[in-house]
C-alpha atoms as a PDB file:
ATOM      1  CA  UNK A   1       0.000   0.000   0.000  1.00  0.00           C
ATOM      2  CA  UNK A   2       1.021   3.564  -0.571  1.00  0.00           C
ATOM      3  CA  UNK A   3       0.841   6.459   1.861  1.00  0.00           C
ATOM      4  CA  UNK A   4      -0.070   8.779  -1.012  1.00  0.00           C
ATOM      5  CA  UNK A   5      -3.360  10.607  -0.444  1.00  0.00           C
ATOM      6  CA  UNK A   6      -6.287  10.399  -2.841  1.00  0.00           C
ATOM      7  CA  UNK A   7      -6.389  12.904  -5.707  1.00  0.00           C
ATOM      8  CA  UNK A   8      -8.252  16.131  -5.027  1.00  0.00           C
ATOM      9  CA  UNK A   9     -10.528  18.218  -7.205  1.00  0.00           C
ATOM     10  CA  UNK A  10      -7.590  20.576  -7.766  1.00  0.00           C
ATOM     11  CA  UNK A  11      -5.483  17.620  -8.962  1.00  0.00           C
ATOM     12  CA  UNK A  12      -8.197  16.646 -11.441  1.00  0.00           C
ATOM     13  CA  UNK A  13      -8.572  20.243 -12.616  1.00  0.00           C
ATOM     14  CA  UNK A  14      -4.838  20.571 -13.264  1.00  0.00           C
ATOM     15  CA  UNK A  15      -4.707  17.276 -15.175  1.00  0.00           C
ATOM     16  CA  UNK A  16      -7.792  18.091 -17.262  1.00  0.00           C
ATOM     17  CA  UNK A  17      -6.528  21.586 -18.113  1.00  0.00           C
ATOM     18  CA  UNK A  18      -3.206  20.116 -19.217  1.00  0.00           C
ATOM     19  CA  UNK A  19      -4.955  17.539 -21.429  1.00  0.00           C
ATOM     20  CA  UNK A  20      -7.037  20.180 -23.223  1.00  0.00           C
ATOM     21  CA  UNK A  21      -3.989  22.428 -23.550  1.00  0.00           C
ATOM     22  CA  UNK A  22      -5.501  25.257 -21.511  1.00  0.00           C
ATOM     23  CA  UNK A  23      -8.859  25.401 -23.325  1.00  0.00           C
ATOM     24  CA  UNK A  24     -11.842  26.348 -21.191  1.00  0.00           C
ATOM     25  CA  UNK A  25     -13.360  23.271 -19.559  1.00  0.00           C
ATOM     26  CA  UNK A  26     -16.758  24.942 -19.170  1.00  0.00           C
ATOM     27  CA  UNK A  27     -19.015  24.953 -22.228  1.00  0.00           C
ATOM     28  CA  UNK A  28     -22.302  26.743 -22.973  1.00  0.00           C
ATOM     29  CA  UNK A  29     -25.543  25.062 -24.007  1.00  0.00           C
ATOM     30  CA  UNK A  30     -27.514  26.522 -26.933  1.00  0.00           C
ATOM     31  CA  UNK A  31     -29.671  28.231 -24.292  1.00  0.00           C
ATOM     32  CA  UNK A  32     -26.616  30.019 -22.871  1.00  0.00           C
ATOM     33  CA  UNK A  33     -26.294  27.939 -19.701  1.00  0.00           C
ATOM     34  CA  UNK A  34     -22.693  27.245 -18.699  1.00  0.00           C
ATOM     35  CA  UNK A  35     -22.031  23.553 -18.029  1.00  0.00           C
ATOM     36  CA  UNK A  36     -19.189  22.705 -15.711  1.00  0.00           C
ATOM     37  CA  UNK A  37     -16.921  19.817 -16.730  1.00  0.00           C
ATOM     38  CA  UNK A  38     -17.393  18.052 -13.394  1.00  0.00           C
ATOM     39  CA  UNK A  39     -20.070  18.314 -10.742  1.00  0.00           C
ATOM     40  CA  UNK A  40     -19.528  17.196  -7.157  1.00  0.00           C
ATOM     41  CA  UNK A  41     -21.610  16.970  -3.994  1.00  0.00           C
ATOM     42  CA  UNK A  42     -20.553  20.548  -3.216  1.00  0.00           C
ATOM     43  CA  UNK A  43     -22.669  21.727  -6.167  1.00  0.00           C
ATOM     44  CA  UNK A  44     -25.860  20.472  -4.525  1.00  0.00           C
ATOM     45  CA  UNK A  45     -27.004  22.905  -1.864  1.00  0.00           C
ATOM     46  CA  UNK A  46     -30.107  21.017  -0.775  1.00  0.00           C
ATOM     47  CA  UNK A  47     -32.158  17.895  -1.380  1.00  0.00           C
ATOM     48  CA  UNK A  48     -34.118  18.424  -4.622  1.00  0.00           C
ATOM     49  CA  UNK A  49     -37.205  16.824  -3.079  1.00  0.00           C
ATOM     50  CA  UNK A  50     -39.359  13.975  -4.283  1.00  0.00           C
ATOM     51  CA  UNK A  51     -41.097  13.641  -7.659  1.00  0.00           C
ATOM     52  CA  UNK A  52     -44.718  14.766  -7.560  1.00  0.00           C
ATOM     53  CA  UNK A  53     -44.309  17.234  -4.700  1.00  0.00           C
ATOM     54  CA  UNK A  54     -43.454  20.945  -4.598  1.00  0.00           C
ATOM     55  CA  UNK A  55     -41.159  22.467  -5.779  1.00  0.00           C
ATOM     56  CA  UNK A  56     -41.456  19.806  -8.561  1.00  0.00           C
ATOM     57  CA  UNK A  57     -37.742  19.878  -9.432  1.00  0.00           C
ATOM     58  CA  UNK A  58     -37.860  16.115 -10.002  1.00  0.00           C
ATOM     59  CA  UNK A  59     -41.099  16.070 -11.996  1.00  0.00           C
ATOM     60  CA  UNK A  60     -44.757  16.923 -11.576  1.00  0.00           C
ATOM     61  CA  UNK A  61     -45.886  13.304 -11.135  1.00  0.00           C
ATOM     62  CA  UNK A  62     -44.861  10.855  -8.440  1.00  0.00           C
ATOM     63  CA  UNK A  63     -44.461   8.156 -11.126  1.00  0.00           C
ATOM     64  CA  UNK A  64     -41.903  10.367 -12.917  1.00  0.00           C
ATOM     65  CA  UNK A  65     -43.995  10.326 -16.113  1.00  0.00           C
ATOM     66  CA  UNK A  66     -45.443  13.570 -17.431  1.00  0.00           C
END
């Protein structure tokens, strides 16, 4: 076994930036929404709720079908 610690988000970011030769890792959708190259648990501020219940972020029906 190695005593080396697990890679961090900063490690991944440095490796990814090197692979794309410094190009921006974030890209826009046709609607103008910026999409990050990697999402982590830190990007989720709260539980999105259950489908079929307000605020309906996971769908308007409990069965997940519209």
